[in-house]
Amino acid sequence: MTLYPVADDVLFAPGGRVVIRTYGVAPAAGRDGERTPVAYRTWVTGVRDQPRYWHWGRFEDACHGHRQVVEWLTGRGPLPAAVAA
């Protein structure tokens, strides 16, 4: 498995810190050097009783989704919806 970092943010809240990480995940390359599809995810740690995991279909969606998650966590936007792969 290969991880491709997209974005990382840390927010400090009264209850502790919240970490938002967006990355791409791909299975290990095949024997023939074939390209494997990349699935993008945003993972949030430090938040209780809230959605903590989003899937994105493309790199651009992952970048935009990461910003939406940060805006939601800071109270400047609605809860983001994941984009289908």
N, C-alpha and C. Protein backbone atom coordinates (compact mmCIF):
# COMPACT_ATOMS: atom_id res chain seq x y z
N MET A 1 0.85 -1.17 0.00
CA MET A 1 0.00 0.00 0.00
C MET A 1 0.90 1.24 0.00
N THR A 2 0.49 2.23 -0.77
CA THR A 2 1.23 3.48 -0.86
C THR A 2 0.33 4.63 -0.43
N LEU A 3 0.85 5.51 0.43
CA LEU A 3 0.12 6.70 0.88
C LEU A 3 0.67 7.93 0.20
N TYR A 4 -0.23 8.79 -0.27
CA TYR A 4 0.15 10.04 -0.90
C TYR A 4 -0.45 11.19 -0.09
N PRO A 5 0.36 11.94 0.66
CA PRO A 5 -0.19 13.04 1.45
C PRO A 5 -0.73 14.15 0.56
N VAL A 6 -1.88 14.69 0.95
CA VAL A 6 -2.50 15.80 0.23
C VAL A 6 -2.48 17.05 1.09
N ALA A 7 -3.01 16.96 2.33
CA ALA A 7 -3.05 18.12 3.21
C ALA A 7 -3.15 17.68 4.66
N ASP A 8 -2.57 18.47 5.56
CA ASP A 8 -2.64 18.24 7.00
C ASP A 8 -2.94 19.56 7.68
N ASP A 9 -3.84 19.52 8.66
CA ASP A 9 -4.14 20.70 9.48
C ASP A 9 -4.33 20.26 10.92
N VAL A 10 -4.02 21.15 11.84
CA VAL A 10 -4.24 20.90 13.26
C VAL A 10 -5.00 22.10 13.81
N LEU A 11 -6.10 21.82 14.51
CA LEU A 11 -6.88 22.86 15.18
C LEU A 11 -6.78 22.63 16.68
N PHE A 12 -6.66 23.71 17.44
CA PHE A 12 -6.61 23.59 18.89
C PHE A 12 -7.95 24.05 19.45
N ALA A 13 -8.59 23.16 20.23
CA ALA A 13 -9.91 23.41 20.80
C ALA A 13 -9.81 23.26 22.32
N PRO A 14 -10.85 23.75 23.04
CA PRO A 14 -10.81 23.63 24.50
C PRO A 14 -10.65 22.18 24.98
N GLY A 15 -11.17 21.19 24.26
CA GLY A 15 -11.06 19.80 24.67
C GLY A 15 -9.78 19.12 24.22
N GLY A 16 -8.94 19.79 23.49
CA GLY A 16 -7.70 19.20 22.97
C GLY A 16 -7.51 19.58 21.52
N ARG A 17 -6.63 18.88 20.86
CA ARG A 17 -6.36 19.22 19.46
C ARG A 17 -7.12 18.30 18.52
N VAL A 18 -7.43 18.83 17.33
CA VAL A 18 -8.13 18.09 16.28
C VAL A 18 -7.19 18.06 15.08
N VAL A 19 -6.94 16.87 14.57
CA VAL A 19 -6.04 16.70 13.43
C VAL A 19 -6.85 16.29 12.22
N ILE A 20 -6.66 17.00 11.10
CA ILE A 20 -7.35 16.71 9.85
C ILE A 20 -6.28 16.33 8.83
N ARG A 21 -6.38 15.10 8.31
CA ARG A 21 -5.40 14.62 7.33
C ARG A 21 -6.14 14.13 6.10
N THR A 22 -5.68 14.57 4.95
CA THR A 22 -6.21 14.09 3.68
C THR A 22 -5.06 13.45 2.92
N TYR A 23 -5.31 12.25 2.42
CA TYR A 23 -4.26 11.51 1.74
C TYR A 23 -4.87 10.59 0.69
N GLY A 24 -4.03 10.17 -0.23
CA GLY A 24 -4.43 9.19 -1.23
C GLY A 24 -3.88 7.83 -0.84
N VAL A 25 -4.62 6.78 -1.14
CA VAL A 25 -4.20 5.41 -0.83
C VAL A 25 -4.28 4.60 -2.11
N ALA A 26 -3.21 3.88 -2.40
CA ALA A 26 -3.20 3.01 -3.58
C ALA A 26 -2.59 1.68 -3.18
N PRO A 27 -3.09 0.58 -3.74
CA PRO A 27 -2.45 -0.71 -3.47
C PRO A 27 -1.04 -0.71 -4.06
N ALA A 28 -0.23 -1.63 -3.61
CA ALA A 28 1.13 -1.74 -4.14
C ALA A 28 1.07 -1.95 -5.66
N ALA A 29 2.05 -1.44 -6.36
CA ALA A 29 2.08 -1.57 -7.83
C ALA A 29 2.17 -3.03 -8.23
N GLY A 30 1.52 -3.34 -9.34
CA GLY A 30 1.55 -4.70 -9.86
C GLY A 30 2.92 -5.06 -10.40
N ARG A 31 3.09 -6.29 -10.79
CA ARG A 31 4.39 -6.75 -11.30
C ARG A 31 4.78 -6.05 -12.59
N ASP A 32 3.80 -5.74 -13.41
CA ASP A 32 4.09 -5.14 -14.72
C ASP A 32 4.29 -3.64 -14.63
N GLY A 33 4.32 -3.09 -13.44
CA GLY A 33 4.45 -1.65 -13.29
C GLY A 33 3.19 -0.91 -13.67
N GLU A 34 2.07 -1.63 -13.69
CA GLU A 34 0.80 -1.00 -14.07
C GLU A 34 0.38 0.04 -13.04
N ARG A 35 -0.33 1.02 -13.49
CA ARG A 35 -0.83 2.07 -12.60
C ARG A 35 -2.03 1.55 -11.85
N THR A 36 -2.08 1.87 -10.58
CA THR A 36 -3.21 1.45 -9.75
C THR A 36 -4.03 2.67 -9.38
N PRO A 37 -5.34 2.52 -9.23
CA PRO A 37 -6.18 3.67 -8.88
C PRO A 37 -5.88 4.15 -7.45
N VAL A 38 -6.03 5.44 -7.27
CA VAL A 38 -5.80 6.06 -5.96
C VAL A 38 -7.15 6.47 -5.38
N ALA A 39 -7.40 6.07 -4.13
CA ALA A 39 -8.61 6.50 -3.41
C ALA A 39 -8.18 7.57 -2.41
N TYR A 40 -8.91 8.66 -2.36
CA TYR A 40 -8.56 9.77 -1.47
C TYR A 40 -9.48 9.77 -0.27
N ARG A 41 -8.90 10.07 0.91
CA ARG A 41 -9.65 10.06 2.16
C ARG A 41 -9.25 11.24 3.03
N THR A 42 -10.21 11.71 3.79
CA THR A 42 -9.94 12.70 4.83
C THR A 42 -10.29 12.05 6.16
N TRP A 43 -9.36 12.08 7.08
CA TRP A 43 -9.52 11.45 8.39
C TRP A 43 -9.37 12.53 9.45
N VAL A 44 -10.33 12.59 10.39
CA VAL A 44 -10.30 13.58 11.47
C VAL A 44 -10.18 12.84 12.79
N THR A 45 -9.22 13.22 13.61
CA THR A 45 -9.08 12.65 14.95
C THR A 45 -9.24 13.76 15.97
N GLY A 46 -9.81 13.43 17.12
CA GLY A 46 -9.99 14.40 18.19
C GLY A 46 -11.39 14.97 18.28
N VAL A 47 -12.33 14.49 17.46
CA VAL A 47 -13.71 14.96 17.48
C VAL A 47 -14.59 13.78 17.91
N ARG A 48 -15.46 14.02 18.88
CA ARG A 48 -16.34 12.95 19.35
C ARG A 48 -17.75 13.13 18.79
N ASP A 49 -18.43 12.03 18.58
CA ASP A 49 -19.84 12.01 18.17
C ASP A 49 -20.09 12.77 16.87
N GLN A 50 -19.14 12.78 15.96
CA GLN A 50 -19.28 13.45 14.67
C GLN A 50 -18.68 12.55 13.60
N PRO A 51 -19.07 12.73 12.35
CA PRO A 51 -18.41 11.97 11.28
C PRO A 51 -16.92 12.29 11.28
N ARG A 52 -16.11 11.27 11.08
CA ARG A 52 -14.68 11.49 11.13
C ARG A 52 -13.95 11.05 9.87
N TYR A 53 -14.66 10.58 8.86
CA TYR A 53 -14.00 9.95 7.73
C TYR A 53 -14.76 10.26 6.45
N TRP A 54 -14.09 10.76 5.45
CA TRP A 54 -14.72 11.07 4.16
C TRP A 54 -13.91 10.43 3.04
N HIS A 55 -14.60 10.01 1.98
CA HIS A 55 -13.98 9.45 0.77
C HIS A 55 -14.13 10.46 -0.36
N TRP A 56 -13.11 10.57 -1.18
CA TRP A 56 -13.15 11.47 -2.34
C TRP A 56 -12.74 10.68 -3.57
N GLY A 57 -13.28 11.05 -4.71
CA GLY A 57 -13.01 10.32 -5.94
C GLY A 57 -11.77 10.75 -6.68
N ARG A 58 -11.41 12.02 -6.59
CA ARG A 58 -10.27 12.55 -7.35
C ARG A 58 -9.44 13.47 -6.47
N PHE A 59 -8.24 13.77 -6.90
CA PHE A 59 -7.34 14.65 -6.15
C PHE A 59 -7.98 16.02 -5.92
N GLU A 60 -8.60 16.58 -6.96
CA GLU A 60 -9.21 17.91 -6.83
C GLU A 60 -10.34 17.90 -5.80
N ASP A 61 -11.14 16.82 -5.81
CA ASP A 61 -12.22 16.68 -4.82
C ASP A 61 -11.64 16.57 -3.41
N ALA A 62 -10.52 15.87 -3.28
CA ALA A 62 -9.89 15.71 -1.97
C ALA A 62 -9.39 17.05 -1.44
N CYS A 63 -8.78 17.85 -2.29
CA CYS A 63 -8.30 19.18 -1.86
C CYS A 63 -9.46 20.06 -1.43
N HIS A 64 -10.50 20.11 -2.25
CA HIS A 64 -11.68 20.92 -1.93
C HIS A 64 -12.38 20.37 -0.69
N GLY A 65 -12.50 19.06 -0.58
CA GLY A 65 -13.14 18.44 0.57
C GLY A 65 -12.39 18.70 1.86
N HIS A 66 -11.07 18.68 1.80
CA HIS A 66 -10.26 18.98 2.99
C HIS A 66 -10.58 20.39 3.50
N ARG A 67 -10.64 21.35 2.58
CA ARG A 67 -10.97 22.73 2.98
C ARG A 67 -12.37 22.80 3.57
N GLN A 68 -13.32 22.05 3.00
CA GLN A 68 -14.69 22.04 3.52
C GLN A 68 -14.74 21.46 4.94
N VAL A 69 -13.97 20.41 5.19
CA VAL A 69 -13.94 19.81 6.52
C VAL A 69 -13.37 20.82 7.53
N VAL A 70 -12.31 21.51 7.17
CA VAL A 70 -11.73 22.52 8.07
C VAL A 70 -12.75 23.63 8.33
N GLU A 71 -13.43 24.09 7.29
CA GLU A 71 -14.45 25.14 7.47
C GLU A 71 -15.58 24.66 8.37
N TRP A 72 -16.02 23.40 8.20
CA TRP A 72 -17.08 22.85 9.04
C TRP A 72 -16.63 22.79 10.50
N LEU A 73 -15.41 22.34 10.72
CA LEU A 73 -14.90 22.22 12.09
C LEU A 73 -14.72 23.57 12.77
N THR A 74 -14.46 24.61 12.00
CA THR A 74 -14.29 25.94 12.58
C THR A 74 -15.59 26.74 12.59
N GLY A 75 -16.70 26.11 12.15
CA GLY A 75 -18.00 26.76 12.20
C GLY A 75 -18.28 27.71 11.06
N ARG A 76 -17.50 27.63 9.98
CA ARG A 76 -17.70 28.53 8.84
C ARG A 76 -18.37 27.88 7.65
N GLY A 77 -18.83 26.62 7.79
CA GLY A 77 -19.46 25.96 6.66
C GLY A 77 -20.29 24.77 7.12
N PRO A 78 -21.09 24.20 6.21
CA PRO A 78 -21.91 23.04 6.55
C PRO A 78 -21.07 21.75 6.58
N LEU A 79 -21.65 20.70 7.09
CA LEU A 79 -21.03 19.37 7.11
C LEU A 79 -20.80 18.93 5.66
N PRO A 80 -19.58 18.62 5.28
CA PRO A 80 -19.32 18.23 3.89
C PRO A 80 -19.84 16.83 3.59
N ALA A 81 -20.24 16.63 2.36
CA ALA A 81 -20.68 15.32 1.88
C ALA A 81 -19.54 14.72 1.04
N ALA A 82 -19.30 13.45 1.19
CA ALA A 82 -18.26 12.79 0.42
C ALA A 82 -18.67 12.68 -1.04
N VAL A 83 -17.70 12.73 -1.91
CA VAL A 83 -17.93 12.60 -3.35
C VAL A 83 -17.72 11.15 -3.73
N ALA A 84 -18.63 10.57 -4.48
CA ALA A 84 -18.52 9.17 -4.89
C ALA A 84 -17.31 8.96 -5.78
N ALA A 85 -16.68 7.83 -5.62
CA ALA A 85 -15.48 7.52 -6.42
C ALA A 85 -15.86 7.13 -7.83
